[in-house]
Amino acid sequence: MALDVKISNMNLQDLNLIADNLETDFDDFWNYNVLKGELENGNSKYLVAKLDGKIVGFAGIIPIAEEADISNIVVHKDFRNMKIGFMLLKGLIDLACSLRLSAINLEVRNTNVYAIKLYEKYGFEVCGVRKKYYNNIDDAILMRKNLSFL
């Protein structure tokens, strides 16, 4: 049974709806002030995933020259493994294509095997490694997908 998840542009009102549980239910790295700064940045582009009006995830890209960097893909802890991360990733790729960008880049913790497999499934290729990038322990795997918007 497919979930009826709606993907749309994220705004400050969306952020305010999850402000009280952002760090506990989503991801403790993306606190309110960091995400608010991203949404107010004219360059960053964020999407939000809603299920029955409830925010269940968000994701963002930062276009830089002719490419984009994925800043995050975050799914509510109670809604993981339901393909919402995939829907947000597809939304970011579509957004980057609509902006006529030539590639999309990301970094992922080397221990996040689920995410790495998802990215590989959708055409991302490993293009580098940053040793001990996360807390001076885990490596960051750098990945890239070339885009075609024709």
C-alpha atoms as a PDB file:
ATOM      1  CA  MET A   1       0.000   0.000   0.000  1.00  0.00           C
ATOM      2  CA  ALA A   2       1.537   3.282  -1.111  1.00  0.00           C
ATOM      3  CA  LEU A   3       1.572   6.220   1.266  1.00  0.00           C
ATOM      4  CA  ASP A   4      -0.064   9.424   0.071  1.00  0.00           C
ATOM      5  CA  VAL A   5       2.949  11.633   0.807  1.00  0.00           C
ATOM      6  CA  LYS A   6       2.915  15.135  -0.637  1.00  0.00           C
ATOM      7  CA  ILE A   7       6.234  16.790  -1.494  1.00  0.00           C
ATOM      8  CA  SER A   8       6.256  20.589  -1.678  1.00  0.00           C
ATOM      9  CA  ASN A   9       8.505  23.577  -1.100  1.00  0.00           C
ATOM     10  CA  MET A  10       9.352  24.065   2.576  1.00  0.00           C
ATOM     11  CA  ASN A  11       8.752  27.430   4.252  1.00  0.00           C
ATOM     12  CA  LEU A  12       9.160  28.991   7.694  1.00  0.00           C
ATOM     13  CA  GLN A  13       5.610  28.039   8.651  1.00  0.00           C
ATOM     14  CA  ASP A  14       6.517  24.371   8.058  1.00  0.00           C
ATOM     15  CA  LEU A  15       9.616  24.765  10.195  1.00  0.00           C
ATOM     16  CA  ASN A  16       7.613  26.351  13.002  1.00  0.00           C
ATOM     17  CA  LEU A  17       5.248  23.354  12.989  1.00  0.00           C
ATOM     18  CA  ILE A  18       8.128  20.992  13.825  1.00  0.00           C
ATOM     19  CA  ALA A  19      10.230  23.393  15.926  1.00  0.00           C
ATOM     20  CA  ASP A  20       9.379  21.770  19.268  1.00  0.00           C
ATOM     21  CA  ASN A  21      10.297  18.260  18.158  1.00  0.00           C
ATOM     22  CA  LEU A  22      12.877  18.910  15.443  1.00  0.00           C
ATOM     23  CA  GLU A  23      15.882  17.646  17.390  1.00  0.00           C
ATOM     24  CA  THR A  24      14.145  14.687  19.079  1.00  0.00           C
ATOM     25  CA  ASP A  25      11.968  13.310  16.267  1.00  0.00           C
ATOM     26  CA  PHE A  26      14.088  14.085  13.226  1.00  0.00           C
ATOM     27  CA  ASP A  27      17.823  14.622  13.598  1.00  0.00           C
ATOM     28  CA  ASP A  28      19.778  16.389  16.310  1.00  0.00           C
ATOM     29  CA  PHE A  29      22.167  17.978  13.807  1.00  0.00           C
ATOM     30  CA  TRP A  30      19.559  20.209  12.175  1.00  0.00           C
ATOM     31  CA  ASN A  31      18.417  22.495  14.972  1.00  0.00           C
ATOM     32  CA  TYR A  32      15.836  25.229  14.500  1.00  0.00           C
ATOM     33  CA  ASN A  33      18.291  28.105  14.030  1.00  0.00           C
ATOM     34  CA  VAL A  34      20.414  26.241  11.472  1.00  0.00           C
ATOM     35  CA  LEU A  35      17.384  25.245   9.444  1.00  0.00           C
ATOM     36  CA  LYS A  36      15.804  28.705   9.745  1.00  0.00           C
ATOM     37  CA  GLY A  37      19.015  30.216   8.364  1.00  0.00           C
ATOM     38  CA  GLU A  38      18.904  27.778   5.462  1.00  0.00           C
ATOM     39  CA  LEU A  39      15.281  28.653   4.666  1.00  0.00           C
ATOM     40  CA  GLU A  40      16.017  32.372   4.806  1.00  0.00           C
ATOM     41  CA  ASN A  41      19.061  31.962   2.571  1.00  0.00           C
ATOM     42  CA  GLY A  42      17.923  32.944  -0.900  1.00  0.00           C
ATOM     43  CA  ASN A  43      20.124  30.284  -2.463  1.00  0.00           C
ATOM     44  CA  SER A  44      19.080  27.190  -0.484  1.00  0.00           C
ATOM     45  CA  LYS A  45      16.073  25.198  -1.703  1.00  0.00           C
ATOM     46  CA  TYR A  46      14.143  22.964   0.697  1.00  0.00           C
ATOM     47  CA  LEU A  47      11.349  20.448   0.248  1.00  0.00           C
ATOM     48  CA  VAL A  48       8.996  19.057   2.865  1.00  0.00           C
ATOM     49  CA  ALA A  49       7.179  15.705   2.921  1.00  0.00           C
ATOM     50  CA  LYS A  50       3.699  15.666   4.453  1.00  0.00           C
ATOM     51  CA  LEU A  51       1.491  12.692   5.231  1.00  0.00           C
ATOM     52  CA  ASP A  52      -2.095  13.597   6.147  1.00  0.00           C
ATOM     53  CA  GLY A  53      -0.896  17.159   6.792  1.00  0.00           C
ATOM     54  CA  LYS A  54       1.823  16.030   9.228  1.00  0.00           C
ATOM     55  CA  ILE A  55       5.430  16.828   8.366  1.00  0.00           C
ATOM     56  CA  VAL A  56       7.304  13.527   8.100  1.00  0.00           C
ATOM     57  CA  GLY A  57      10.506  14.705   6.415  1.00  0.00           C
ATOM     58  CA  PHE A  58      12.456  17.465   4.747  1.00  0.00           C
ATOM     59  CA  ALA A  59      15.419  17.807   2.430  1.00  0.00           C
ATOM     60  CA  GLY A  60      17.507  20.553   0.892  1.00  0.00           C
ATOM     61  CA  ILE A  61      19.973  21.454  -1.795  1.00  0.00           C
ATOM     62  CA  ILE A  62      22.333  24.350  -2.193  1.00  0.00           C
ATOM     63  CA  PRO A  63      22.889  25.285  -5.839  1.00  0.00           C
ATOM     64  CA  ILE A  64      26.504  26.339  -6.403  1.00  0.00           C
ATOM     65  CA  ALA A  65      27.427  27.535  -9.891  1.00  0.00           C
ATOM     66  CA  GLU A  66      26.126  24.802 -12.228  1.00  0.00           C
ATOM     67  CA  GLU A  67      25.803  22.070  -9.591  1.00  0.00           C
ATOM     68  CA  ALA A  68      23.966  21.419  -6.341  1.00  0.00           C
ATOM     69  CA  ASP A  69      25.012  19.965  -3.009  1.00  0.00           C
ATOM     70  CA  ILE A  70      22.459  18.045  -0.987  1.00  0.00           C
ATOM     71  CA  SER A  71      22.565  19.541   2.491  1.00  0.00           C
ATOM     72  CA  ASN A  72      20.298  16.958   4.097  1.00  0.00           C
ATOM     73  CA  ILE A  73      17.539  14.428   3.747  1.00  0.00           C
ATOM     74  CA  VAL A  74      15.826  13.902   7.095  1.00  0.00           C
ATOM     75  CA  VAL A  75      12.852  11.655   7.834  1.00  0.00           C
ATOM     76  CA  HIS A  76      10.876  11.610  11.099  1.00  0.00           C
ATOM     77  CA  LYS A  77      12.052   8.641  13.189  1.00  0.00           C
ATOM     78  CA  ASP A  78       8.556   7.101  13.226  1.00  0.00           C
ATOM     79  CA  PHE A  79       8.314   7.170   9.418  1.00  0.00           C
ATOM     80  CA  ARG A  80      11.672   5.766   8.334  1.00  0.00           C
ATOM     81  CA  ASN A  81      11.890   2.799   5.946  1.00  0.00           C
ATOM     82  CA  MET A  82       8.670   3.858   4.206  1.00  0.00           C
ATOM     83  CA  LYS A  83      10.329   5.271   1.048  1.00  0.00           C
ATOM     84  CA  ILE A  84       9.890   8.872   2.190  1.00  0.00           C
ATOM     85  CA  GLY A  85      13.655   9.435   1.905  1.00  0.00           C
ATOM     86  CA  PHE A  86      13.459   8.185  -1.680  1.00  0.00           C
ATOM     87  CA  MET A  87      10.558  10.555  -2.431  1.00  0.00           C
ATOM     88  CA  LEU A  88      12.538  13.490  -1.041  1.00  0.00           C
ATOM     89  CA  LEU A  89      15.659  12.452  -2.998  1.00  0.00           C
ATOM     90  CA  LYS A  90      13.627  12.219  -6.202  1.00  0.00           C
ATOM     91  CA  GLY A  91      12.155  15.651  -5.428  1.00  0.00           C
ATOM     92  CA  LEU A  92      15.646  17.132  -5.000  1.00  0.00           C
ATOM     93  CA  ILE A  93      16.836  15.584  -8.269  1.00  0.00           C
ATOM     94  CA  ASP A  94      13.764  16.932 -10.078  1.00  0.00           C
ATOM     95  CA  LEU A  95      14.337  20.355  -8.512  1.00  0.00           C
ATOM     96  CA  ALA A  96      17.994  20.383  -9.584  1.00  0.00           C
ATOM     97  CA  CYS A  97      16.959  19.415 -13.117  1.00  0.00           C
ATOM     98  CA  SER A  98      14.350  22.193 -13.195  1.00  0.00           C
ATOM     99  CA  LEU A  99      17.125  24.623 -12.240  1.00  0.00           C
ATOM    100  CA  ARG A 100      19.116  23.232 -15.191  1.00  0.00           C
ATOM    101  CA  LEU A 101      21.997  22.121 -12.986  1.00  0.00           C
ATOM    102  CA  SER A 102      24.516  19.683 -14.427  1.00  0.00           C
ATOM    103  CA  ALA A 103      25.174  17.543 -11.333  1.00  0.00           C
ATOM    104  CA  ILE A 104      24.143  16.903  -7.769  1.00  0.00           C
ATOM    105  CA  ASN A 105      26.650  16.039  -5.029  1.00  0.00           C
ATOM    106  CA  LEU A 106      26.362  14.703  -1.499  1.00  0.00           C
ATOM    107  CA  GLU A 107      28.343  13.257   1.343  1.00  0.00           C
ATOM    108  CA  VAL A 108      27.179  10.365   3.479  1.00  0.00           C
ATOM    109  CA  ARG A 109      28.592   8.653   6.557  1.00  0.00           C
ATOM    110  CA  ASN A 110      30.381   5.466   5.503  1.00  0.00           C
ATOM    111  CA  THR A 111      28.401   3.484   8.101  1.00  0.00           C
ATOM    112  CA  ASN A 112      25.036   4.577   6.619  1.00  0.00           C
ATOM    113  CA  VAL A 113      24.818   1.579   4.308  1.00  0.00           C
ATOM    114  CA  TYR A 114      21.070   1.996   3.696  1.00  0.00           C
ATOM    115  CA  ALA A 115      21.547   5.544   2.388  1.00  0.00           C
ATOM    116  CA  ILE A 116      24.573   4.599   0.274  1.00  0.00           C
ATOM    117  CA  LYS A 117      22.581   1.803  -1.401  1.00  0.00           C
ATOM    118  CA  LEU A 118      19.689   4.207  -2.039  1.00  0.00           C
ATOM    119  CA  TYR A 119      21.984   6.764  -3.646  1.00  0.00           C
ATOM    120  CA  GLU A 120      23.693   4.114  -5.791  1.00  0.00           C
ATOM    121  CA  LYS A 121      20.307   2.779  -6.885  1.00  0.00           C
ATOM    122  CA  TYR A 122      19.438   6.219  -8.238  1.00  0.00           C
ATOM    123  CA  GLY A 123      22.632   6.794 -10.161  1.00  0.00           C
ATOM    124  CA  PHE A 124      25.000   8.370  -7.647  1.00  0.00           C
ATOM    125  CA  GLU A 125      28.606   7.213  -7.894  1.00  0.00           C
ATOM    126  CA  VAL A 126      31.353   7.379  -5.303  1.00  0.00           C
ATOM    127  CA  CYS A 127      33.815  10.107  -6.253  1.00  0.00           C
ATOM    128  CA  GLY A 128      35.868  10.483  -3.074  1.00  0.00           C
ATOM    129  CA  VAL A 129      36.304   9.961   0.650  1.00  0.00           C
ATOM    130  CA  ARG A 130      36.921  12.353   3.521  1.00  0.00           C
ATOM    131  CA  LYS A 131      38.731  10.372   6.213  1.00  0.00           C
ATOM    132  CA  LYS A 132      37.423  10.676   9.775  1.00  0.00           C
ATOM    133  CA  TYR A 133      35.076  13.486   8.739  1.00  0.00           C
ATOM    134  CA  TYR A 134      32.309  12.690  11.232  1.00  0.00           C
ATOM    135  CA  ASN A 135      33.409  13.280  14.829  1.00  0.00           C
ATOM    136  CA  ASN A 136      36.956  12.363  13.807  1.00  0.00           C
ATOM    137  CA  ILE A 137      35.778   8.723  13.592  1.00  0.00           C
ATOM    138  CA  ASP A 138      33.664   7.878  10.549  1.00  0.00           C
ATOM    139  CA  ASP A 139      34.576   8.636   6.957  1.00  0.00           C
ATOM    140  CA  ALA A 140      32.387  10.681   4.620  1.00  0.00           C
ATOM    141  CA  ILE A 141      31.724   9.061   1.267  1.00  0.00           C
ATOM    142  CA  LEU A 142      31.429  11.686  -1.484  1.00  0.00           C
ATOM    143  CA  MET A 143      28.931  10.846  -4.202  1.00  0.00           C
ATOM    144  CA  ARG A 144      27.848  12.519  -7.433  1.00  0.00           C
ATOM    145  CA  LYS A 145      25.094  12.168 -10.013  1.00  0.00           C
ATOM    146  CA  ASN A 146      25.339  13.842 -13.390  1.00  0.00           C
ATOM    147  CA  LEU A 147      21.997  15.262 -14.472  1.00  0.00           C
ATOM    148  CA  SER A 148      20.228  15.504 -17.760  1.00  0.00           C
ATOM    149  CA  PHE A 149      17.402  17.992 -18.012  1.00  0.00           C
ATOM    150  CA  LEU A 150      16.661  17.693 -21.719  1.00  0.00           C
END
